[in-house]
All heavy atoms as atom14 arrays in JSON, in Angstrom:
{
  "sequence": "RPWFDGVITYGALDGLDRVPDVAAKLGYRAVILGVWDIT",
  "atom14_mask": [
    [1, 1, 1, 1, 1, 1, 1, 1, 1, 1, 1, 0, 0, 0],
    [1, 1, 1, 1, 1, 1, 1, 0, 0, 0, 0, 0, 0, 0],
    [1, 1, 1, 1, 1, 1, 1, 1, 1, 1, 1, 1, 1, 1],
    [1, 1, 1, 1, 1, 1, 1, 1, 1, 1, 1, 0, 0, 0],
    [1, 1, 1, 1, 1, 1, 1, 1, 0, 0, 0, 0, 0, 0],
    [1, 1, 1, 1, 0, 0, 0, 0, 0, 0, 0, 0, 0, 0],
    [1, 1, 1, 1, 1, 1, 1, 0, 0, 0, 0, 0, 0, 0],
    [1, 1, 1, 1, 1, 1, 1, 1, 0, 0, 0, 0, 0, 0],
    [1, 1, 1, 1, 1, 1, 1, 0, 0, 0, 0, 0, 0, 0],
    [1, 1, 1, 1, 1, 1, 1, 1, 1, 1, 1, 1, 0, 0],
    [1, 1, 1, 1, 0, 0, 0, 0, 0, 0, 0, 0, 0, 0],
    [1, 1, 1, 1, 1, 0, 0, 0, 0, 0, 0, 0, 0, 0],
    [1, 1, 1, 1, 1, 1, 1, 1, 0, 0, 0, 0, 0, 0],
    [1, 1, 1, 1, 1, 1, 1, 1, 0, 0, 0, 0, 0, 0],
    [1, 1, 1, 1, 0, 0, 0, 0, 0, 0, 0, 0, 0, 0],
    [1, 1, 1, 1, 1, 1, 1, 1, 0, 0, 0, 0, 0, 0],
    [1, 1, 1, 1, 1, 1, 1, 1, 0, 0, 0, 0, 0, 0],
    [1, 1, 1, 1, 1, 1, 1, 1, 1, 1, 1, 0, 0, 0],
    [1, 1, 1, 1, 1, 1, 1, 0, 0, 0, 0, 0, 0, 0],
    [1, 1, 1, 1, 1, 1, 1, 0, 0, 0, 0, 0, 0, 0],
    [1, 1, 1, 1, 1, 1, 1, 1, 0, 0, 0, 0, 0, 0],
    [1, 1, 1, 1, 1, 1, 1, 0, 0, 0, 0, 0, 0, 0],
    [1, 1, 1, 1, 1, 0, 0, 0, 0, 0, 0, 0, 0, 0],
    [1, 1, 1, 1, 1, 0, 0, 0, 0, 0, 0, 0, 0, 0],
    [1, 1, 1, 1, 1, 1, 1, 1, 1, 0, 0, 0, 0, 0],
    [1, 1, 1, 1, 1, 1, 1, 1, 0, 0, 0, 0, 0, 0],
    [1, 1, 1, 1, 0, 0, 0, 0, 0, 0, 0, 0, 0, 0],
    [1, 1, 1, 1, 1, 1, 1, 1, 1, 1, 1, 1, 0, 0],
    [1, 1, 1, 1, 1, 1, 1, 1, 1, 1, 1, 0, 0, 0],
    [1, 1, 1, 1, 1, 0, 0, 0, 0, 0, 0, 0, 0, 0],
    [1, 1, 1, 1, 1, 1, 1, 0, 0, 0, 0, 0, 0, 0],
    [1, 1, 1, 1, 1, 1, 1, 1, 0, 0, 0, 0, 0, 0],
    [1, 1, 1, 1, 1, 1, 1, 1, 0, 0, 0, 0, 0, 0],
    [1, 1, 1, 1, 0, 0, 0, 0, 0, 0, 0, 0, 0, 0],
    [1, 1, 1, 1, 1, 1, 1, 0, 0, 0, 0, 0, 0, 0],
    [1, 1, 1, 1, 1, 1, 1, 1, 1, 1, 1, 1, 1, 1],
    [1, 1, 1, 1, 1, 1, 1, 1, 0, 0, 0, 0, 0, 0],
    [1, 1, 1, 1, 1, 1, 1, 1, 0, 0, 0, 0, 0, 0],
    [1, 1, 1, 1, 1, 1, 1, 0, 0, 0, 0, 0, 0, 0]
  ],
  "atom14_positions": [
    [[-12.71, 2.79, 4.23], [-13.38, 2.04, 3.16], [-14.22, 2.86, 2.2], [-14.25, 2.57, 0.99], [-14.21, 0.89, 3.76], [-14.82, -0.03, 2.72], [-13.75, -0.72, 1.88], [-14.33, -1.53, 0.81], [-14.63, -1.07, -0.4], [-14.4, 0.21, -0.7], [-15.14, -1.87, -1.31], [0.0, 0.0, 0.0], [0.0, 0.0, 0.0], [0.0, 0.0, 0.0]],
    [[-14.95, 3.92, 2.63], [-15.75, 4.65, 1.64], [-14.92, 5.26, 0.5], [-15.43, 5.44, -0.61], [-16.42, 5.75, 2.47], [-16.49, 5.18, 3.85], [-15.21, 4.39, 4.0], [0.0, 0.0, 0.0], [0.0, 0.0, 0.0], [0.0, 0.0, 0.0], [0.0, 0.0, 0.0], [0.0, 0.0, 0.0], [0.0, 0.0, 0.0], [0.0, 0.0, 0.0]],
    [[-13.65, 5.56, 0.76], [-12.8, 6.22, -0.23], [-11.79, 5.28, -0.89], [-11.24, 5.63, -1.94], [-12.03, 7.37, 0.42], [-12.89, 8.53, 0.81], [-13.22, 9.62, 0.03], [-13.5, 8.75, 2.08], [-14.0, 10.49, 0.74], [-14.2, 9.98, 2.01], [-13.54, 8.03, 3.27], [-14.91, 10.51, 3.08], [-14.25, 8.55, 4.35], [-14.93, 9.76, 4.24]],
    [[-11.5, 4.15, -0.27], [-10.42, 3.29, -0.74], [-10.86, 1.83, -0.77], [-11.58, 1.37, 0.12], [-9.2, 3.43, 0.18], [-8.69, 4.84, 0.32], [-9.03, 5.61, 1.43], [-7.9, 5.4, -0.67], [-8.58, 6.92, 1.55], [-7.45, 6.72, -0.56], [-7.79, 7.47, 0.56], [0.0, 0.0, 0.0], [0.0, 0.0, 0.0], [0.0, 0.0, 0.0]],
    [[-10.42, 1.13, -1.81], [-10.66, -0.32, -1.86], [-9.38, -1.11, -2.1], [-9.41, -2.31, -2.35], [-11.71, -0.67, -2.92], [-11.35, -0.16, -4.32], [-10.27, 0.44, -4.48], [-12.17, -0.36, -5.23], [0.0, 0.0, 0.0], [0.0, 0.0, 0.0], [0.0, 0.0, 0.0], [0.0, 0.0, 0.0], [0.0, 0.0, 0.0], [0.0, 0.0, 0.0]],
    [[-8.25, -0.42, -2.01], [-6.94, -1.06, -2.08], [-6.06, -0.55, -0.94], [-6.15, 0.63, -0.57], [0.0, 0.0, 0.0], [0.0, 0.0, 0.0], [0.0, 0.0, 0.0], [0.0, 0.0, 0.0], [0.0, 0.0, 0.0], [0.0, 0.0, 0.0], [0.0, 0.0, 0.0], [0.0, 0.0, 0.0], [0.0, 0.0, 0.0], [0.0, 0.0, 0.0]],
    [[-5.25, -1.41, -0.36], [-4.4, -1.06, 0.78], [-2.96, -1.45, 0.46], [-2.7, -2.53, -0.07], [-4.84, -1.81, 2.06], [-3.95, -1.42, 3.24], [-6.3, -1.51, 2.38], [0.0, 0.0, 0.0], [0.0, 0.0, 0.0], [0.0, 0.0, 0.0], [0.0, 0.0, 0.0], [0.0, 0.0, 0.0], [0.0, 0.0, 0.0], [0.0, 0.0, 0.0]],
    [[-2.03, -0.56, 0.81], [-0.6, -0.83, 0.71], [-0.02, -0.74, 2.11], [-0.19, 0.28, 2.79], [0.12, 0.18, -0.2], [-0.55, 0.29, -1.56], [1.6, -0.2, -0.36], [-0.05, 1.47, -2.39], [0.0, 0.0, 0.0], [0.0, 0.0, 0.0], [0.0, 0.0, 0.0], [0.0, 0.0, 0.0], [0.0, 0.0, 0.0], [0.0, 0.0, 0.0]],
    [[0.66, -1.78, 2.56], [1.32, -1.72, 3.86], [2.83, -1.52, 3.66], [3.36, -1.72, 2.57], [1.09, -2.99, 4.69], [1.91, -4.06, 4.19], [-0.37, -3.4, 4.68], [0.0, 0.0, 0.0], [0.0, 0.0, 0.0], [0.0, 0.0, 0.0], [0.0, 0.0, 0.0], [0.0, 0.0, 0.0], [0.0, 0.0, 0.0], [0.0, 0.0, 0.0]],
    [[3.5, -1.18, 4.76], [4.95, -0.95, 4.71], [5.74, -2.16, 5.2], [6.95, -2.19, 5.05], [5.31, 0.28, 5.54], [4.96, 1.56, 4.82], [3.67, 2.07, 4.87], [5.91, 2.26, 4.09], [3.33, 3.23, 4.2], [5.59, 3.42, 3.42], [4.3, 3.9, 3.47], [3.96, 5.05, 2.8], [0.0, 0.0, 0.0], [0.0, 0.0, 0.0]],
    [[5.06, -3.1, 5.81], [5.75, -4.28, 6.31], [4.75, -5.39, 6.56], [3.54, -5.25, 6.32], [0.0, 0.0, 0.0], [0.0, 0.0, 0.0], [0.0, 0.0, 0.0], [0.0, 0.0, 0.0], [0.0, 0.0, 0.0], [0.0, 0.0, 0.0], [0.0, 0.0, 0.0], [0.0, 0.0, 0.0], [0.0, 0.0, 0.0], [0.0, 0.0, 0.0]],
    [[5.27, -6.51, 7.07], [4.41, -7.65, 7.37], [4.6, -8.15, 8.8], [4.08, -9.2, 9.16], [4.67, -8.79, 6.38], [0.0, 0.0, 0.0], [0.0, 0.0, 0.0], [0.0, 0.0, 0.0], [0.0, 0.0, 0.0], [0.0, 0.0, 0.0], [0.0, 0.0, 0.0], [0.0, 0.0, 0.0], [0.0, 0.0, 0.0], [0.0, 0.0, 0.0]],
    [[5.32, -7.37, 9.62], [5.45, -7.68, 11.03], [4.57, -6.73, 11.85], [3.82, -5.94, 11.27], [6.92, -7.55, 11.46], [7.91, -8.53, 10.82], [9.33, -8.25, 11.31], [7.52, -9.98, 11.12], [0.0, 0.0, 0.0], [0.0, 0.0, 0.0], [0.0, 0.0, 0.0], [0.0, 0.0, 0.0], [0.0, 0.0, 0.0], [0.0, 0.0, 0.0]],
    [[4.65, -6.81, 13.15], [3.89, -5.92, 14.05], [2.4, -5.95, 13.77], [1.7, -4.94, 13.88], [4.42, -4.48, 13.93], [5.89, -4.36, 14.27], [6.34, -5.05, 15.21], [6.6, -3.59, 13.61], [0.0, 0.0, 0.0], [0.0, 0.0, 0.0], [0.0, 0.0, 0.0], [0.0, 0.0, 0.0], [0.0, 0.0, 0.0], [0.0, 0.0, 0.0]],
    [[1.89, -7.13, 13.39], [0.46, -7.28, 13.15], [0.0, -6.96, 11.75], [-1.16, -7.19, 11.4], [0.0, 0.0, 0.0], [0.0, 0.0, 0.0], [0.0, 0.0, 0.0], [0.0, 0.0, 0.0], [0.0, 0.0, 0.0], [0.0, 0.0, 0.0], [0.0, 0.0, 0.0], [0.0, 0.0, 0.0], [0.0, 0.0, 0.0], [0.0, 0.0, 0.0]],
    [[0.89, -6.44, 10.9], [0.48, -6.02, 9.56], [0.14, -7.19, 8.65], [-0.56, -7.0, 7.65], [1.57, -5.15, 8.95], [1.65, -3.73, 9.53], [2.95, -3.05, 9.15], [0.46, -2.89, 9.06], [0.0, 0.0, 0.0], [0.0, 0.0, 0.0], [0.0, 0.0, 0.0], [0.0, 0.0, 0.0], [0.0, 0.0, 0.0], [0.0, 0.0, 0.0]],
    [[0.61, -8.39, 8.97], [0.25, -9.54, 8.15], [-1.22, -9.91, 8.33], [-1.77, -10.71, 7.56], [1.12, -10.74, 8.48], [1.04, -11.16, 9.94], [1.0, -10.27, 10.82], [1.01, -12.37, 10.21], [0.0, 0.0, 0.0], [0.0, 0.0, 0.0], [0.0, 0.0, 0.0], [0.0, 0.0, 0.0], [0.0, 0.0, 0.0], [0.0, 0.0, 0.0]],
    [[-1.9, -9.29, 9.33], [-3.33, -9.53, 9.52], [-4.19, -8.58, 8.7], [-5.42, -8.74, 8.65], [-3.71, -9.4, 11.0], [-2.85, -10.16, 11.97], [-2.69, -11.63, 11.62], [-3.96, -12.36, 11.6], [-4.06, -13.67, 11.39], [-2.96, -14.38, 11.18], [-5.23, -14.26, 11.38], [0.0, 0.0, 0.0], [0.0, 0.0, 0.0], [0.0, 0.0, 0.0]],
    [[-3.59, -7.58, 8.07], [-4.36, -6.62, 7.27], [-5.2, -7.31, 6.2], [-6.39, -7.0, 6.03], [-3.44, -5.54, 6.66], [-4.18, -4.71, 5.61], [-2.9, -4.63, 7.76], [0.0, 0.0, 0.0], [0.0, 0.0, 0.0], [0.0, 0.0, 0.0], [0.0, 0.0, 0.0], [0.0, 0.0, 0.0], [0.0, 0.0, 0.0], [0.0, 0.0, 0.0]],
    [[-4.65, -8.28, 5.42], [-5.5, -8.94, 4.43], [-6.69, -9.68, 5.05], [-7.78, -9.72, 4.45], [-4.54, -9.92, 3.74], [-3.19, -9.33, 3.95], [-3.24, -8.71, 5.31], [0.0, 0.0, 0.0], [0.0, 0.0, 0.0], [0.0, 0.0, 0.0], [0.0, 0.0, 0.0], [0.0, 0.0, 0.0], [0.0, 0.0, 0.0], [0.0, 0.0, 0.0]],
    [[-6.52, -10.25, 6.24], [-7.61, -10.95, 6.89], [-8.78, -10.0, 7.17], [-9.95, -10.33, 6.95], [-7.14, -11.58, 8.21], [-5.98, -12.54, 8.02], [-5.91, -13.2, 6.97], [-5.14, -12.63, 8.92], [0.0, 0.0, 0.0], [0.0, 0.0, 0.0], [0.0, 0.0, 0.0], [0.0, 0.0, 0.0], [0.0, 0.0, 0.0], [0.0, 0.0, 0.0]],
    [[-8.45, -8.8, 7.65], [-9.49, -7.82, 7.95], [-10.05, -7.23, 6.66], [-11.27, -7.07, 6.5], [-8.91, -6.7, 8.85], [-9.97, -5.64, 9.11], [-8.39, -7.28, 10.16], [0.0, 0.0, 0.0], [0.0, 0.0, 0.0], [0.0, 0.0, 0.0], [0.0, 0.0, 0.0], [0.0, 0.0, 0.0], [0.0, 0.0, 0.0], [0.0, 0.0, 0.0]],
    [[-9.16, -6.9, 5.72], [-9.61, -6.3, 4.46], [-10.56, -7.22, 3.7], [-11.51, -6.75, 3.06], [-8.39, -5.97, 3.6], [0.0, 0.0, 0.0], [0.0, 0.0, 0.0], [0.0, 0.0, 0.0], [0.0, 0.0, 0.0], [0.0, 0.0, 0.0], [0.0, 0.0, 0.0], [0.0, 0.0, 0.0], [0.0, 0.0, 0.0], [0.0, 0.0, 0.0]],
    [[-10.33, -8.52, 3.78], [-11.2, -9.47, 3.09], [-12.62, -9.39, 3.63], [-13.6, -9.48, 2.87], [-10.65, -10.89, 3.23], [0.0, 0.0, 0.0], [0.0, 0.0, 0.0], [0.0, 0.0, 0.0], [0.0, 0.0, 0.0], [0.0, 0.0, 0.0], [0.0, 0.0, 0.0], [0.0, 0.0, 0.0], [0.0, 0.0, 0.0], [0.0, 0.0, 0.0]],
    [[-12.76, -9.22, 4.93], [-14.09, -9.14, 5.55], [-14.82, -7.85, 5.2], [-16.05, -7.79, 5.26], [-13.96, -9.27, 7.06], [-13.38, -10.59, 7.53], [-13.14, -10.57, 9.04], [-12.46, -11.85, 9.51], [-12.14, -11.79, 10.97], [0.0, 0.0, 0.0], [0.0, 0.0, 0.0], [0.0, 0.0, 0.0], [0.0, 0.0, 0.0], [0.0, 0.0, 0.0]],
    [[-14.07, -6.82, 4.86], [-14.66, -5.5, 4.61], [-14.83, -5.19, 3.13], [-15.2, -4.06, 2.78], [-13.79, -4.42, 5.28], [-13.68, -4.53, 6.8], [-12.76, -3.44, 7.34], [-15.06, -4.44, 7.46], [0.0, 0.0, 0.0], [0.0, 0.0, 0.0], [0.0, 0.0, 0.0], [0.0, 0.0, 0.0], [0.0, 0.0, 0.0], [0.0, 0.0, 0.0]],
    [[-14.58, -6.15, 2.27], [-14.84, -5.96, 0.86], [-13.79, -5.18, 0.09], [-14.08, -4.63, -0.98], [0.0, 0.0, 0.0], [0.0, 0.0, 0.0], [0.0, 0.0, 0.0], [0.0, 0.0, 0.0], [0.0, 0.0, 0.0], [0.0, 0.0, 0.0], [0.0, 0.0, 0.0], [0.0, 0.0, 0.0], [0.0, 0.0, 0.0], [0.0, 0.0, 0.0]],
    [[-12.57, -5.13, 0.6], [-11.49, -4.5, -0.17], [-11.17, -5.38, -1.38], [-11.31, -6.6, -1.34], [-10.24, -4.31, 0.69], [-10.3, -3.09, 1.58], [-11.02, -3.1, 2.77], [-9.65, -1.92, 1.21], [-11.08, -1.99, 3.58], [-9.7, -0.79, 2.02], [-10.42, -0.83, 3.2], [-10.48, 0.29, 4.01], [0.0, 0.0, 0.0], [0.0, 0.0, 0.0]],
    [[-10.71, -4.74, -2.44], [-10.4, -5.47, -3.68], [-8.97, -5.94, -3.76], [-8.69, -6.95, -4.44], [-10.68, -4.55, -4.9], [-12.11, -4.22, -5.12], [-12.26, -3.1, -6.14], [-11.75, -3.45, -7.47], [-11.7, -2.59, -8.49], [-12.1, -1.34, -8.32], [-11.24, -2.98, -9.64], [0.0, 0.0, 0.0], [0.0, 0.0, 0.0], [0.0, 0.0, 0.0]],
    [[-8.04, -5.22, -3.13], [-6.63, -5.53, -3.34], [-5.8, -5.08, -2.15], [-6.06, -4.03, -1.54], [-6.12, -4.84, -4.61], [0.0, 0.0, 0.0], [0.0, 0.0, 0.0], [0.0, 0.0, 0.0], [0.0, 0.0, 0.0], [0.0, 0.0, 0.0], [0.0, 0.0, 0.0], [0.0, 0.0, 0.0], [0.0, 0.0, 0.0], [0.0, 0.0, 0.0]],
    [[-4.78, -5.88, -1.82], [-3.8, -5.52, -0.81], [-2.41, -5.76, -1.4], [-2.14, -6.82, -1.96], [-3.95, -6.36, 0.48], [-2.8, -6.06, 1.45], [-5.29, -6.07, 1.16], [0.0, 0.0, 0.0], [0.0, 0.0, 0.0], [0.0, 0.0, 0.0], [0.0, 0.0, 0.0], [0.0, 0.0, 0.0], [0.0, 0.0, 0.0], [0.0, 0.0, 0.0]],
    [[-1.55, -4.74, -1.31], [-0.13, -4.88, -1.61], [0.58, -4.91, -0.27], [0.57, -3.93, 0.47], [0.39, -3.73, -2.48], [-0.32, -3.69, -3.84], [1.91, -3.84, -2.67], [0.01, -2.46, -4.68], [0.0, 0.0, 0.0], [0.0, 0.0, 0.0], [0.0, 0.0, 0.0], [0.0, 0.0, 0.0], [0.0, 0.0, 0.0], [0.0, 0.0, 0.0]],
    [[1.18, -6.06, 0.05], [1.86, -6.21, 1.33], [3.31, -5.77, 1.22], [4.04, -6.19, 0.31], [1.82, -7.67, 1.79], [0.62, -8.12, 2.62], [0.75, -9.6, 2.92], [0.51, -7.33, 3.92], [0.0, 0.0, 0.0], [0.0, 0.0, 0.0], [0.0, 0.0, 0.0], [0.0, 0.0, 0.0], [0.0, 0.0, 0.0], [0.0, 0.0, 0.0]],
    [[3.74, -4.94, 2.14], [5.14, -4.54, 2.18], [5.98, -5.58, 2.91], [5.5, -6.28, 3.79], [0.0, 0.0, 0.0], [0.0, 0.0, 0.0], [0.0, 0.0, 0.0], [0.0, 0.0, 0.0], [0.0, 0.0, 0.0], [0.0, 0.0, 0.0], [0.0, 0.0, 0.0], [0.0, 0.0, 0.0], [0.0, 0.0, 0.0], [0.0, 0.0, 0.0]],
    [[7.24, -5.67, 2.52], [8.26, -6.41, 3.26], [9.35, -5.39, 3.58], [10.14, -5.03, 2.71], [8.82, -7.59, 2.46], [9.95, -8.26, 3.22], [7.72, -8.6, 2.14], [0.0, 0.0, 0.0], [0.0, 0.0, 0.0], [0.0, 0.0, 0.0], [0.0, 0.0, 0.0], [0.0, 0.0, 0.0], [0.0, 0.0, 0.0], [0.0, 0.0, 0.0]],
    [[9.35, -4.89, 4.8], [10.25, -3.79, 5.16], [11.71, -4.22, 5.07], [12.54, -3.51, 4.52], [9.92, -3.29, 6.56], [10.77, -2.14, 6.99], [11.9, -2.19, 7.78], [10.59, -0.77, 6.64], [12.42, -0.93, 7.94], [11.64, -0.04, 7.26], [9.64, -0.09, 5.88], [11.76, 1.33, 7.13], [9.77, 1.29, 5.75], [10.82, 1.99, 6.36]],
    [[12.02, -5.38, 5.62], [13.39, -5.88, 5.63], [13.48, -7.1, 4.72], [12.99, -8.18, 5.06], [13.8, -6.25, 7.06], [15.26, -6.69, 7.17], [15.9, -6.93, 6.14], [15.74, -6.82, 8.31], [0.0, 0.0, 0.0], [0.0, 0.0, 0.0], [0.0, 0.0, 0.0], [0.0, 0.0, 0.0], [0.0, 0.0, 0.0], [0.0, 0.0, 0.0]],
    [[14.1, -6.94, 3.57], [14.14, -8.02, 2.58], [15.08, -9.15, 2.97], [15.16, -10.16, 2.27], [14.52, -7.48, 1.19], [15.91, -6.81, 1.22], [13.46, -6.53, 0.66], [16.42, -6.39, -0.15], [0.0, 0.0, 0.0], [0.0, 0.0, 0.0], [0.0, 0.0, 0.0], [0.0, 0.0, 0.0], [0.0, 0.0, 0.0], [0.0, 0.0, 0.0]],
    [[15.77, -9.01, 4.09], [16.64, -10.08, 4.58], [16.03, -10.82, 5.77], [16.61, -11.79, 6.26], [18.02, -9.54, 5.02], [17.86, -8.72, 6.19], [18.65, -8.71, 3.92], [0.0, 0.0, 0.0], [0.0, 0.0, 0.0], [0.0, 0.0, 0.0], [0.0, 0.0, 0.0], [0.0, 0.0, 0.0], [0.0, 0.0, 0.0], [0.0, 0.0, 0.0]]
  ]
}
């Protein structure tokens, strides 16, 4: 957090869909969620 206020993930499985929930509590400004498998 001291260096970054935006997060990019590579997918939304394996717990990564919870990243925005945590980022919201820590004052991040933006999350770009990855979808690894578009099918």
